[in-house]
Amino acid sequence: MSNIKSRRRKSLLDMKILEERLERYLLLTKDAIDKVKISKEKQINWKESAEDFLDMAKRYLSDAVYFKKKGDFVRAFACVNYAHGWLDAGARLGLFDVGKDNRLFSVD
């Protein structure tokens, strides 16, 4: 019986941690959105920008794998979402040629 109670307590603690981290991520994202200002148009190095977006996606994916191995599934999930966000952003901007693959990317 104590094993069941112990697991129940751990599950409740895990949910509390998940809820706290989710709230932190929500507030962080809201603050970031509030801070955004649309920049004036400027010339960019297309290849360099595409490589940077892809590098960021790969780094976040690597972080996700690291956190998963440590059992920190909340951070792993956050990192994998960041990774895919970089890929989606690059695809929507046209930095990546993904065809019209709207299954893997947020493109039309």
Protein backbone atom coordinates (compact mmCIF):
# COMPACT_ATOMS: atom_id res chain seq x y z
CA MET A 1 0.00 0.00 0.00
CA SER A 2 2.82 2.45 0.77
CA ASN A 3 4.25 1.88 -2.72
CA ILE A 4 0.97 3.06 -4.25
CA LYS A 5 0.91 6.12 -1.98
CA SER A 6 4.52 6.86 -2.84
CA ARG A 7 3.80 6.68 -6.56
CA ARG A 8 0.72 8.84 -6.13
CA ARG A 9 2.74 11.48 -4.24
CA LYS A 10 5.45 11.39 -6.94
CA SER A 11 2.80 11.74 -9.64
CA LEU A 12 1.27 14.75 -7.87
CA LEU A 13 4.72 16.30 -7.45
CA ASP A 14 5.49 15.69 -11.14
CA MET A 15 2.21 17.38 -12.12
CA LYS A 16 3.02 20.36 -9.87
CA ILE A 17 6.48 20.68 -11.46
CA LEU A 18 4.92 20.38 -14.94
CA GLU A 19 2.33 23.03 -14.10
CA GLU A 20 4.98 25.42 -12.71
CA ARG A 21 7.25 25.00 -15.72
CA LEU A 22 4.37 25.39 -18.13
CA GLU A 23 3.34 28.60 -16.41
CA ARG A 24 6.94 29.84 -16.64
CA TYR A 25 7.10 29.04 -20.37
CA LEU A 26 3.73 30.72 -20.97
CA LEU A 27 4.83 33.90 -19.21
CA LEU A 28 8.19 33.89 -20.98
CA THR A 29 6.49 33.57 -24.36
CA LYS A 30 3.96 36.28 -23.57
CA ASP A 31 6.77 38.62 -22.48
CA ALA A 32 8.69 37.85 -25.69
CA ILE A 33 5.64 38.52 -27.87
CA ASP A 34 5.00 41.79 -26.02
CA LYS A 35 8.58 42.89 -26.65
CA VAL A 36 8.59 42.17 -30.40
CA LYS A 37 8.72 45.12 -32.76
CA ILE A 38 8.68 44.64 -36.51
CA SER A 39 12.12 45.55 -37.85
CA LYS A 40 12.70 47.65 -40.90
CA GLU A 41 13.46 45.65 -44.01
CA LYS A 42 17.13 44.90 -44.52
CA GLN A 43 19.34 42.75 -46.67
CA ILE A 44 20.33 39.42 -45.19
CA ASN A 45 22.79 36.75 -46.19
CA TRP A 46 20.27 34.08 -47.20
CA LYS A 47 22.61 31.08 -46.95
CA GLU A 48 24.08 32.23 -43.65
CA SER A 49 20.61 32.78 -42.19
CA ALA A 50 19.39 29.37 -43.37
CA GLU A 51 22.46 27.68 -41.89
CA ASP A 52 21.92 29.55 -38.60
CA PHE A 53 18.25 28.46 -38.38
CA LEU A 54 19.20 24.86 -39.16
CA ASP A 55 22.04 24.96 -36.61
CA MET A 56 19.66 26.23 -33.92
CA ALA A 57 17.19 23.44 -34.72
CA LYS A 58 19.93 20.82 -34.47
CA ARG A 59 21.21 22.25 -31.17
CA TYR A 60 17.75 22.26 -29.61
CA LEU A 61 17.15 18.70 -30.83
CA SER A 62 20.44 17.67 -29.21
CA ASP A 63 19.36 19.37 -25.99
CA ALA A 64 16.03 17.53 -26.15
CA VAL A 65 17.80 14.17 -26.42
CA TYR A 66 20.08 15.12 -23.49
CA PHE A 67 17.18 16.12 -21.24
CA LYS A 68 15.22 12.99 -22.22
CA LYS A 69 18.16 10.79 -21.18
CA LYS A 70 18.25 12.63 -17.83
CA GLY A 71 14.54 11.96 -17.36
CA ASP A 72 13.65 15.66 -17.60
CA PHE A 73 10.80 15.20 -20.02
CA VAL A 74 9.39 18.70 -19.57
CA ARG A 75 12.61 20.34 -20.74
CA ALA A 76 13.06 17.69 -23.44
CA PHE A 77 9.58 18.45 -24.76
CA ALA A 78 10.24 22.19 -24.66
CA CYS A 79 13.52 21.78 -26.55
CA VAL A 80 12.04 19.57 -29.25
CA ASN A 81 9.31 22.17 -29.76
CA TYR A 82 11.92 24.93 -30.03
CA ALA A 83 13.79 22.81 -32.59
CA HIS A 84 10.70 22.37 -34.70
CA GLY A 85 9.86 26.05 -34.29
CA TRP A 86 13.21 26.99 -35.87
CA LEU A 87 12.50 24.59 -38.74
CA ASP A 88 8.98 25.96 -39.24
CA ALA A 89 10.20 29.55 -39.14
CA GLY A 90 12.92 28.80 -41.69
CA ALA A 91 10.43 27.04 -43.95
CA ARG A 92 7.84 29.84 -43.72
CA LEU A 93 10.47 32.47 -44.48
CA GLY A 94 11.60 30.45 -47.50
CA LEU A 95 15.06 29.79 -46.08
CA PHE A 96 14.43 26.05 -46.48
CA ASP A 97 13.00 24.36 -49.53
CA VAL A 98 10.45 21.95 -48.03
CA GLY A 99 8.12 21.87 -50.99
CA LYS A 100 4.54 22.08 -49.77
CA ASP A 101 5.04 19.57 -46.96
CA ASN A 102 2.44 20.79 -44.50
CA ARG A 103 2.67 17.58 -42.49
CA LEU A 104 6.18 18.36 -41.22
CA PHE A 105 6.13 22.16 -41.55
CA SER A 106 3.68 25.02 -41.05
CA VAL A 107 3.57 25.93 -44.73
CA ASP A 108 0.77 26.16 -47.25
